[in-house]
């Protein structure tokens, strides 16, 4: 059960972080969030895939699916933090 709760909480935090909120404009919020996810998910998936490949090469063992999900979500949350800084503050 613990193997499912951790990734589920990380996925919820990821979806909250990926939300691009426009006050008073729900359609704009939905479209911007969908567009953002369509552009950012491939980068996070590819990076997580590369990390898993490196882990397999170094340790000789591939992480189980809950471990892969955690790796992906941690990488995706890290990217979301950087994307949010760019979106809200134009840093």
PDB file of N, CA and C in Angstrom:
ATOM      1  N   UNK A   1       0.817  -1.187   0.000  1.00  0.00           N
ATOM      2  CA  UNK A   1       0.000   0.000   0.000  1.00  0.00           C
ATOM      3  C   UNK A   1       0.872   1.266   0.000  1.00  0.00           C
ATOM      4  N   UNK A   2       1.975   1.203   0.737  1.00  0.00           N
ATOM      5  CA  UNK A   2       2.865   2.356   0.810  1.00  0.00           C
ATOM      6  C   UNK A   2       3.497   2.660  -0.542  1.00  0.00           C
ATOM      7  N   UNK A   3       3.701   1.616  -1.351  1.00  0.00           N
ATOM      8  CA  UNK A   3       4.298   1.802  -2.670  1.00  0.00           C
ATOM      9  C   UNK A   3       3.362   2.547  -3.612  1.00  0.00           C
ATOM     10  N   UNK A   4       2.080   2.555  -3.321  1.00  0.00           N
ATOM     11  CA  UNK A   4       1.106   3.242  -4.165  1.00  0.00           C
ATOM     12  C   UNK A   4       0.819   4.642  -3.649  1.00  0.00           C
ATOM     13  N   UNK A   5       0.802   4.828  -2.342  1.00  0.00           N
ATOM     14  CA  UNK A   5       0.459   6.126  -1.751  1.00  0.00           C
ATOM     15  C   UNK A   5       1.516   7.180  -2.067  1.00  0.00           C
ATOM     16  N   UNK A   6       2.780   6.821  -2.002  1.00  0.00           N
ATOM     17  CA  UNK A   6       3.855   7.777  -2.281  1.00  0.00           C
ATOM     18  C   UNK A   6       3.778   8.354  -3.688  1.00  0.00           C
ATOM     19  N   UNK A   7       3.743   7.508  -4.725  1.00  0.00           N
ATOM     20  CA  UNK A   7       3.610   8.056  -6.079  1.00  0.00           C
ATOM     21  C   UNK A   7       2.291   8.797  -6.309  1.00  0.00           C
ATOM     22  N   UNK A   8       1.222   8.369  -5.656  1.00  0.00           N
ATOM     23  CA  UNK A   8      -0.062   9.065  -5.825  1.00  0.00           C
ATOM     24  C   UNK A   8       0.010  10.483  -5.257  1.00  0.00           C
ATOM     25  N   UNK A   9       0.647  10.637  -4.118  1.00  0.00           N
ATOM     26  CA  UNK A   9       0.802  11.974  -3.534  1.00  0.00           C
ATOM     27  C   UNK A   9       1.713  12.824  -4.409  1.00  0.00           C
ATOM     28  N   UNK A  10       2.799  12.244  -4.901  1.00  0.00           N
ATOM     29  CA  UNK A  10       3.691  12.980  -5.797  1.00  0.00           C
ATOM     30  C   UNK A  10       2.978  13.379  -7.086  1.00  0.00           C
ATOM     31  N   UNK A  11       2.122  12.494  -7.612  1.00  0.00           N
ATOM     32  CA  UNK A  11       1.377  12.810  -8.837  1.00  0.00           C
ATOM     33  C   UNK A  11       0.400  13.958  -8.585  1.00  0.00           C
ATOM     34  N   UNK A  12      -0.255  13.979  -7.434  1.00  0.00           N
ATOM     35  CA  UNK A  12      -1.169  15.070  -7.100  1.00  0.00           C
ATOM     36  C   UNK A  12      -0.412  16.395  -6.983  1.00  0.00           C
ATOM     37  N   UNK A  13       0.732  16.370  -6.332  1.00  0.00           N
ATOM     38  CA  UNK A  13       1.543  17.583  -6.206  1.00  0.00           C
ATOM     39  C   UNK A  13       2.025  18.031  -7.586  1.00  0.00           C
ATOM     40  N   UNK A  14       2.380  17.069  -8.441  1.00  0.00           N
ATOM     41  CA  UNK A  14       2.813  17.409  -9.800  1.00  0.00           C
ATOM     42  C   UNK A  14       1.687  18.087 -10.582  1.00  0.00           C
ATOM     43  N   UNK A  15       0.491  17.546 -10.501  1.00  0.00           N
ATOM     44  CA  UNK A  15      -0.631  18.150 -11.223  1.00  0.00           C
ATOM     45  C   UNK A  15      -0.958  19.544 -10.693  1.00  0.00           C
ATOM     46  N   UNK A  16      -0.837  19.732  -9.402  1.00  0.00           N
ATOM     47  CA  UNK A  16      -1.050  21.074  -8.843  1.00  0.00           C
ATOM     48  C   UNK A  16       0.038  22.042  -9.305  1.00  0.00           C
ATOM     49  N   UNK A  17       1.262  21.553  -9.377  1.00  0.00           N
ATOM     50  CA  UNK A  17       2.357  22.413  -9.825  1.00  0.00           C
ATOM     51  C   UNK A  17       2.270  22.713 -11.312  1.00  0.00           C
ATOM     52  N   UNK A  18       1.698  21.798 -12.086  1.00  0.00           N
ATOM     53  CA  UNK A  18       1.593  21.984 -13.533  1.00  0.00           C
ATOM     54  C   UNK A  18       0.440  22.897 -13.923  1.00  0.00           C
ATOM     55  N   UNK A  19      -0.446  23.168 -13.004  1.00  0.00           N
ATOM     56  CA  UNK A  19      -1.614  24.002 -13.304  1.00  0.00           C
ATOM     57  C   UNK A  19      -1.170  25.446 -13.572  1.00  0.00           C
ATOM     58  N   UNK A  20      -1.603  25.971 -14.690  1.00  0.00           N
ATOM     59  CA  UNK A  20      -1.335  27.373 -15.051  1.00  0.00           C
ATOM     60  C   UNK A  20      -2.626  28.150 -14.842  1.00  0.00           C
ATOM     61  N   UNK A  21      -2.706  28.878 -13.740  1.00  0.00           N
ATOM     62  CA  UNK A  21      -3.949  29.502 -13.300  1.00  0.00           C
ATOM     63  C   UNK A  21      -4.080  30.926 -13.830  1.00  0.00           C
ATOM     64  N   UNK A  22      -5.235  31.194 -14.440  1.00  0.00           N
ATOM     65  CA  UNK A  22      -5.605  32.533 -14.884  1.00  0.00           C
ATOM     66  C   UNK A  22      -6.884  32.907 -14.153  1.00  0.00           C
ATOM     67  N   UNK A  23      -6.831  33.849 -13.216  1.00  0.00           N
ATOM     68  CA  UNK A  23      -8.015  34.183 -12.411  1.00  0.00           C
ATOM     69  C   UNK A  23      -9.201  34.610 -13.273  1.00  0.00           C
ATOM     70  N   UNK A  24     -10.349  34.003 -13.003  1.00  0.00           N
ATOM     71  CA  UNK A  24     -11.574  34.369 -13.695  1.00  0.00           C
ATOM     72  C   UNK A  24     -11.682  33.842 -15.108  1.00  0.00           C
ATOM     73  N   UNK A  25     -10.734  33.033 -15.554  1.00  0.00           N
ATOM     74  CA  UNK A  25     -10.751  32.495 -16.918  1.00  0.00           C
ATOM     75  C   UNK A  25     -10.518  30.982 -16.865  1.00  0.00           C
ATOM     76  N   UNK A  26     -11.554  30.206 -16.559  1.00  0.00           N
ATOM     77  CA  UNK A  26     -11.360  28.756 -16.414  1.00  0.00           C
ATOM     78  C   UNK A  26     -10.954  28.070 -17.716  1.00  0.00           C
ATOM     79  N   UNK A  27     -11.479  28.512 -18.855  1.00  0.00           N
ATOM     80  CA  UNK A  27     -11.110  27.893 -20.124  1.00  0.00           C
ATOM     81  C   UNK A  27      -9.648  28.170 -20.462  1.00  0.00           C
ATOM     82  N   UNK A  28      -9.209  29.398 -20.217  1.00  0.00           N
ATOM     83  CA  UNK A  28      -7.803  29.747 -20.461  1.00  0.00           C
ATOM     84  C   UNK A  28      -6.881  28.941 -19.542  1.00  0.00           C
ATOM     85  N   UNK A  29      -7.315  28.741 -18.294  1.00  0.00           N
ATOM     86  CA  UNK A  29      -6.546  27.929 -17.345  1.00  0.00           C
ATOM     87  C   UNK A  29      -6.431  26.499 -17.847  1.00  0.00           C
ATOM     88  N   UNK A  30      -7.542  25.930 -18.308  1.00  0.00           N
ATOM     89  CA  UNK A  30      -7.538  24.555 -18.792  1.00  0.00           C
ATOM     90  C   UNK A  30      -6.678  24.405 -20.046  1.00  0.00           C
ATOM     91  N   UNK A  31      -6.806  25.331 -20.972  1.00  0.00           N
ATOM     92  CA  UNK A  31      -6.017  25.257 -22.197  1.00  0.00           C
ATOM     93  C   UNK A  31      -4.523  25.454 -21.937  1.00  0.00           C
ATOM     94  N   UNK A  32      -4.191  26.406 -21.082  1.00  0.00           N
ATOM     95  CA  UNK A  32      -2.775  26.652 -20.774  1.00  0.00           C
ATOM     96  C   UNK A  32      -2.163  25.473 -20.030  1.00  0.00           C
ATOM     97  N   UNK A  33      -2.920  24.871 -19.110  1.00  0.00           N
ATOM     98  CA  UNK A  33      -2.417  23.712 -18.376  1.00  0.00           C
ATOM     99  C   UNK A  33      -2.221  22.525 -19.310  1.00  0.00           C
ATOM    100  N   UNK A  34      -3.193  22.262 -20.184  1.00  0.00           N
ATOM    101  CA  UNK A  34      -3.061  21.163 -21.142  1.00  0.00           C
ATOM    102  C   UNK A  34      -1.896  21.365 -22.089  1.00  0.00           C
ATOM    103  N   UNK A  35      -1.743  22.587 -22.581  1.00  0.00           N
ATOM    104  CA  UNK A  35      -0.628  22.896 -23.475  1.00  0.00           C
ATOM    105  C   UNK A  35       0.707  22.728 -22.756  1.00  0.00           C
ATOM    106  N   UNK A  36       0.757  23.177 -21.526  1.00  0.00           N
ATOM    107  CA  UNK A  36       1.992  23.049 -20.748  1.00  0.00           C
ATOM    108  C   UNK A  36       2.341  21.583 -20.516  1.00  0.00           C
ATOM    109  N   UNK A  37       1.348  20.769 -20.156  1.00  0.00           N
ATOM    110  CA  UNK A  37       1.609  19.348 -19.938  1.00  0.00           C
ATOM    111  C   UNK A  37       2.066  18.664 -21.220  1.00  0.00           C
ATOM    112  N   UNK A  38       1.474  19.046 -22.346  1.00  0.00           N
ATOM    113  CA  UNK A  38       1.861  18.443 -23.623  1.00  0.00           C
ATOM    114  C   UNK A  38       3.305  18.778 -23.991  1.00  0.00           C
ATOM    115  N   UNK A  39       3.781  19.945 -23.551  1.00  0.00           N
ATOM    116  CA  UNK A  39       5.157  20.323 -23.861  1.00  0.00           C
ATOM    117  C   UNK A  39       6.163  19.836 -22.833  1.00  0.00           C
ATOM    118  N   UNK A  40       5.750  19.707 -21.576  1.00  0.00           N
ATOM    119  CA  UNK A  40       6.716  19.383 -20.530  1.00  0.00           C
ATOM    120  C   UNK A  40       6.823  17.889 -20.220  1.00  0.00           C
ATOM    121  N   UNK A  41       5.768  17.131 -20.405  1.00  0.00           N
ATOM    122  CA  UNK A  41       5.825  15.702 -20.096  1.00  0.00           C
ATOM    123  C   UNK A  41       6.862  14.931 -20.917  1.00  0.00           C
ATOM    124  N   UNK A  42       6.981  15.172 -22.228  1.00  0.00           N
ATOM    125  CA  UNK A  42       8.016  14.425 -22.966  1.00  0.00           C
ATOM    126  C   UNK A  42       9.437  14.663 -22.446  1.00  0.00           C
ATOM    127  N   UNK A  43       9.716  15.868 -22.009  1.00  0.00           N
ATOM    128  CA  UNK A  43      11.056  16.165 -21.474  1.00  0.00           C
ATOM    129  C   UNK A  43      11.285  15.399 -20.175  1.00  0.00           C
ATOM    130  N   UNK A  44      10.288  15.394 -19.300  1.00  0.00           N
ATOM    131  CA  UNK A  44      10.422  14.685 -18.026  1.00  0.00           C
ATOM    132  C   UNK A  44      10.504  13.182 -18.245  1.00  0.00           C
ATOM    133  N   UNK A  45       9.718  12.656 -19.176  1.00  0.00           N
ATOM    134  CA  UNK A  45       9.757  11.212 -19.455  1.00  0.00           C
ATOM    135  C   UNK A  45      11.117  10.805 -20.012  1.00  0.00           C
ATOM    136  N   UNK A  46      11.635  11.576 -20.941  1.00  0.00           N
ATOM    137  CA  UNK A  46      12.940  11.251 -21.527  1.00  0.00           C
ATOM    138  C   UNK A  46      14.049  11.332 -20.485  1.00  0.00           C
ATOM    139  N   UNK A  47      14.010  12.339 -19.640  1.00  0.00           N
ATOM    140  CA  UNK A  47      15.031  12.472 -18.597  1.00  0.00           C
ATOM    141  C   UNK A  47      14.949  11.322 -17.601  1.00  0.00           C
ATOM    142  N   UNK A  48      13.740  10.952 -17.192  1.00  0.00           N
ATOM    143  CA  UNK A  48      13.573   9.832 -16.269  1.00  0.00           C
ATOM    144  C   UNK A  48      14.051   8.530 -16.902  1.00  0.00           C
ATOM    145  N   UNK A  49      13.778   8.360 -18.186  1.00  0.00           N
ATOM    146  CA  UNK A  49      14.246   7.170 -18.902  1.00  0.00           C
ATOM    147  C   UNK A  49      15.768   7.097 -18.896  1.00  0.00           C
ATOM    148  N   UNK A  50      16.416   8.222 -19.150  1.00  0.00           N
ATOM    149  CA  UNK A  50      17.879   8.248 -19.134  1.00  0.00           C
ATOM    150  C   UNK A  50      18.434   7.959 -17.742  1.00  0.00           C
ATOM    151  N   UNK A  51      17.776   8.484 -16.712  1.00  0.00           N
ATOM    152  CA  UNK A  51      18.223   8.224 -15.339  1.00  0.00           C
ATOM    153  C   UNK A  51      18.095   6.738 -15.022  1.00  0.00           C
ATOM    154  N   UNK A  52      16.989   6.116 -15.428  1.00  0.00           N
ATOM    155  CA  UNK A  52      16.811   4.683 -15.189  1.00  0.00           C
ATOM    156  C   UNK A  52      17.865   3.876 -15.951  1.00  0.00           C
ATOM    157  N   UNK A  53      18.183   4.289 -17.183  1.00  0.00           N
ATOM    158  CA  UNK A  53      19.228   3.590 -17.933  1.00  0.00           C
ATOM    159  C   UNK A  53      20.581   3.694 -17.242  1.00  0.00           C
ATOM    160  N   UNK A  54      20.903   4.869 -16.742  1.00  0.00           N
ATOM    161  CA  UNK A  54      22.169   5.047 -16.028  1.00  0.00           C
ATOM    162  C   UNK A  54      22.184   4.215 -14.752  1.00  0.00           C
ATOM    163  N   UNK A  55      21.062   4.198 -14.023  1.00  0.00           N
ATOM    164  CA  UNK A  55      20.987   3.388 -12.802  1.00  0.00           C
ATOM    165  C   UNK A  55      21.174   1.906 -13.116  1.00  0.00           C
ATOM    166  N   UNK A  56      20.575   1.459 -14.223  1.00  0.00           N
ATOM    167  CA  UNK A  56      20.710   0.054 -14.610  1.00  0.00           C
ATOM    168  C   UNK A  56      22.152  -0.262 -14.998  1.00  0.00           C
ATOM    169  N   UNK A  57      22.797   0.665 -15.679  1.00  0.00           N
ATOM    170  CA  UNK A  57      24.186   0.454 -16.104  1.00  0.00           C
ATOM    171  C   UNK A  57      25.127   0.441 -14.889  1.00  0.00           C
ATOM    172  N   UNK A  58      24.889   1.331 -13.941  1.00  0.00           N
ATOM    173  CA  UNK A  58      25.781   1.446 -12.782  1.00  0.00           C
ATOM    174  C   UNK A  58      25.564   0.308 -11.786  1.00  0.00           C
ATOM    175  N   UNK A  59      24.300   0.052 -11.432  1.00  0.00           N
ATOM    176  CA  UNK A  59      24.041  -0.939 -10.387  1.00  0.00           C
ATOM    177  C   UNK A  59      23.751  -2.331 -10.928  1.00  0.00           C
ATOM    178  N   UNK A  60      23.413  -2.429 -12.210  1.00  0.00           N
ATOM    179  CA  UNK A  60      23.124  -3.728 -12.779  1.00  0.00           C
ATOM    180  C   UNK A  60      21.697  -4.188 -12.565  1.00  0.00           C
ATOM    181  N   UNK A  61      20.891  -3.404 -11.867  1.00  0.00           N
ATOM    182  CA  UNK A  61      19.496  -3.769 -11.612  1.00  0.00           C
ATOM    183  C   UNK A  61      18.585  -2.609 -12.009  1.00  0.00           C
ATOM    184  N   UNK A  62      17.431  -2.947 -12.558  1.00  0.00           N
ATOM    185  CA  UNK A  62      16.450  -1.937 -12.940  1.00  0.00           C
ATOM    186  C   UNK A  62      15.477  -1.743 -11.790  1.00  0.00           C
ATOM    187  N   UNK A  63      15.150  -0.504 -11.430  1.00  0.00           N
ATOM    188  CA  UNK A  63      14.180  -0.289 -10.361  1.00  0.00           C
ATOM    189  C   UNK A  63      12.802  -0.826 -10.746  1.00  0.00           C
ATOM    190  N   UNK A  64      12.032  -1.213  -9.750  1.00  0.00           N
ATOM    191  CA  UNK A  64      10.662  -1.678  -9.982  1.00  0.00           C
ATOM    192  C   UNK A  64       9.794  -0.498 -10.444  1.00  0.00           C
ATOM    193  N   UNK A  65       8.580  -0.804 -10.913  1.00  0.00           N
ATOM    194  CA  UNK A  65       7.725   0.249 -11.457  1.00  0.00           C
ATOM    195  C   UNK A  65       7.394   1.352 -10.451  1.00  0.00           C
ATOM    196  N   UNK A  66       7.107   1.046  -9.179  1.00  0.00           N
ATOM    197  CA  UNK A  66       6.887   2.163  -8.245  1.00  0.00           C
ATOM    198  C   UNK A  66       8.126   3.038  -8.088  1.00  0.00           C
ATOM    199  N   UNK A  67       9.307   2.431  -8.144  1.00  0.00           N
ATOM    200  CA  UNK A  67      10.545   3.205  -8.075  1.00  0.00           C
ATOM    201  C   UNK A  67      10.726   4.072  -9.298  1.00  0.00           C
ATOM    202  N   UNK A  68      10.398   3.529 -10.472  1.00  0.00           N
ATOM    203  CA  UNK A  68      10.475   4.320 -11.699  1.00  0.00           C
ATOM    204  C   UNK A  68       9.487   5.478 -11.661  1.00  0.00           C
ATOM    205  N   UNK A  69       8.305   5.217 -11.135  1.00  0.00           N
ATOM    206  CA  UNK A  69       7.301   6.282 -11.037  1.00  0.00           C
ATOM    207  C   UNK A  69       7.785   7.395 -10.117  1.00  0.00           C
ATOM    208  N   UNK A  70       8.401   7.018  -9.014  1.00  0.00           N
ATOM    209  CA  UNK A  70       8.934   8.032  -8.096  1.00  0.00           C
ATOM    210  C   UNK A  70      10.052   8.839  -8.755  1.00  0.00           C
ATOM    211  N   UNK A  71      10.928   8.157  -9.485  1.00  0.00           N
ATOM    212  CA  UNK A  71      12.004   8.857 -10.188  1.00  0.00           C
ATOM    213  C   UNK A  71      11.419   9.853 -11.179  1.00  0.00           C
ATOM    214  N   UNK A  72      10.443   9.397 -11.980  1.00  0.00           N
ATOM    215  CA  UNK A  72       9.810  10.280 -12.955  1.00  0.00           C
ATOM    216  C   UNK A  72       9.154  11.470 -12.271  1.00  0.00           C
ATOM    217  N   UNK A  73       8.413  11.239 -11.203  1.00  0.00           N
ATOM    218  CA  UNK A  73       7.685  12.332 -10.555  1.00  0.00           C
ATOM    219  C   UNK A  73       8.623  13.325  -9.879  1.00  0.00           C
ATOM    220  N   UNK A  74       9.712  12.854  -9.311  1.00  0.00           N
ATOM    221  CA  UNK A  74      10.673  13.780  -8.705  1.00  0.00           C
ATOM    222  C   UNK A  74      11.327  14.642  -9.781  1.00  0.00           C
ATOM    223  N   UNK A  75      11.687  14.025 -10.902  1.00  0.00           N
ATOM    224  CA  UNK A  75      12.269  14.796 -12.013  1.00  0.00           C
ATOM    225  C   UNK A  75      11.247  15.770 -12.574  1.00  0.00           C
ATOM    226  N   UNK A  76      10.003  15.310 -12.756  1.00  0.00           N
ATOM    227  CA  UNK A  76       8.949  16.177 -13.292  1.00  0.00           C
ATOM    228  C   UNK A  76       8.668  17.344 -12.350  1.00  0.00           C
ATOM    229  N   UNK A  77       8.660  17.104 -11.047  1.00  0.00           N
ATOM    230  CA  UNK A  77       8.450  18.195 -10.087  1.00  0.00           C
ATOM    231  C   UNK A  77       9.605  19.189 -10.121  1.00  0.00           C
ATOM    232  N   UNK A  78      10.810  18.701 -10.305  1.00  0.00           N
ATOM    233  CA  UNK A  78      11.950  19.612 -10.416  1.00  0.00           C
ATOM    234  C   UNK A  78      11.828  20.499 -11.642  1.00  0.00           C
ATOM    235  N   UNK A  79      11.439  19.895 -12.764  1.00  0.00           N
ATOM    236  CA  UNK A  79      11.217  20.690 -13.968  1.00  0.00           C
ATOM    237  C   UNK A  79      10.072  21.678 -13.781  1.00  0.00           C
ATOM    238  N   UNK A  80       9.017  21.243 -13.097  1.00  0.00           N
ATOM    239  CA  UNK A  80       7.865  22.130 -12.874  1.00  0.00           C
ATOM    240  C   UNK A  80       8.262  23.348 -12.054  1.00  0.00           C
ATOM    241  N   UNK A  81       9.142  23.149 -11.104  1.00  0.00           N
ATOM    242  CA  UNK A  81       9.607  24.289 -10.310  1.00  0.00           C
ATOM    243  C   UNK A  81      10.295  25.308 -11.212  1.00  0.00           C
ATOM    244  N   UNK A  82      11.152  24.823 -12.097  1.00  0.00           N
ATOM    245  CA  UNK A  82      11.840  25.732 -13.019  1.00  0.00           C
ATOM    246  C   UNK A  82      10.880  26.364 -14.022  1.00  0.00           C
ATOM    247  N   UNK A  83       9.938  25.561 -14.545  1.00  0.00           N
ATOM    248  CA  UNK A  83       8.944  26.095 -15.478  1.00  0.00           C
ATOM    249  C   UNK A  83       8.057  27.142 -14.804  1.00  0.00           C
ATOM    250  N   UNK A  84       7.689  26.909 -13.546  1.00  0.00           N
ATOM    251  CA  UNK A  84       6.846  27.868 -12.828  1.00  0.00           C
ATOM    252  C   UNK A  84       7.589  29.179 -12.607  1.00  0.00           C
ATOM    253  N   UNK A  85       8.870  29.101 -12.285  1.00  0.00           N
ATOM    254  CA  UNK A  85       9.650  30.323 -12.151  1.00  0.00           C
ATOM    255  C   UNK A  85       9.640  31.105 -13.462  1.00  0.00           C
ATOM    256  N   UNK A  86       9.793  30.403 -14.556  1.00  0.00           N
ATOM    257  CA  UNK A  86       9.784  31.066 -15.855  1.00  0.00           C
ATOM    258  C   UNK A  86       8.401  31.636 -16.183  1.00  0.00           C
ATOM    259  N   UNK A  87       7.359  30.876 -15.907  1.00  0.00           N
ATOM    260  CA  UNK A  87       6.009  31.302 -16.257  1.00  0.00           C
ATOM    261  C   UNK A  87       5.545  32.502 -15.432  1.00  0.00           C
ATOM    262  N   UNK A  88       5.749  32.460 -14.132  1.00  0.00           N
ATOM    263  CA  UNK A  88       5.212  33.493 -13.258  1.00  0.00           C
ATOM    264  C   UNK A  88       6.142  34.705 -13.097  1.00  0.00           C
ATOM    265  N   UNK A  89       7.439  34.467 -13.133  1.00  0.00           N
ATOM    266  CA  UNK A  89       8.378  35.564 -12.878  1.00  0.00           C
ATOM    267  C   UNK A  89       9.239  35.940 -14.061  1.00  0.00           C
ATOM    268  N   UNK A  90       9.170  35.176 -15.140  1.00  0.00           N
ATOM    269  CA  UNK A  90       9.974  35.405 -16.334  1.00  0.00           C
ATOM    270  C   UNK A  90      11.449  35.508 -16.009  1.00  0.00           C
ATOM    271  N   UNK A  91      11.932  34.590 -15.157  1.00  0.00           N
ATOM    272  CA  UNK A  91      13.346  34.574 -14.739  1.00  0.00           C
ATOM    273  C   UNK A  91      14.168  33.886 -15.799  1.00  0.00           C
TER     274      UNK A  91
END
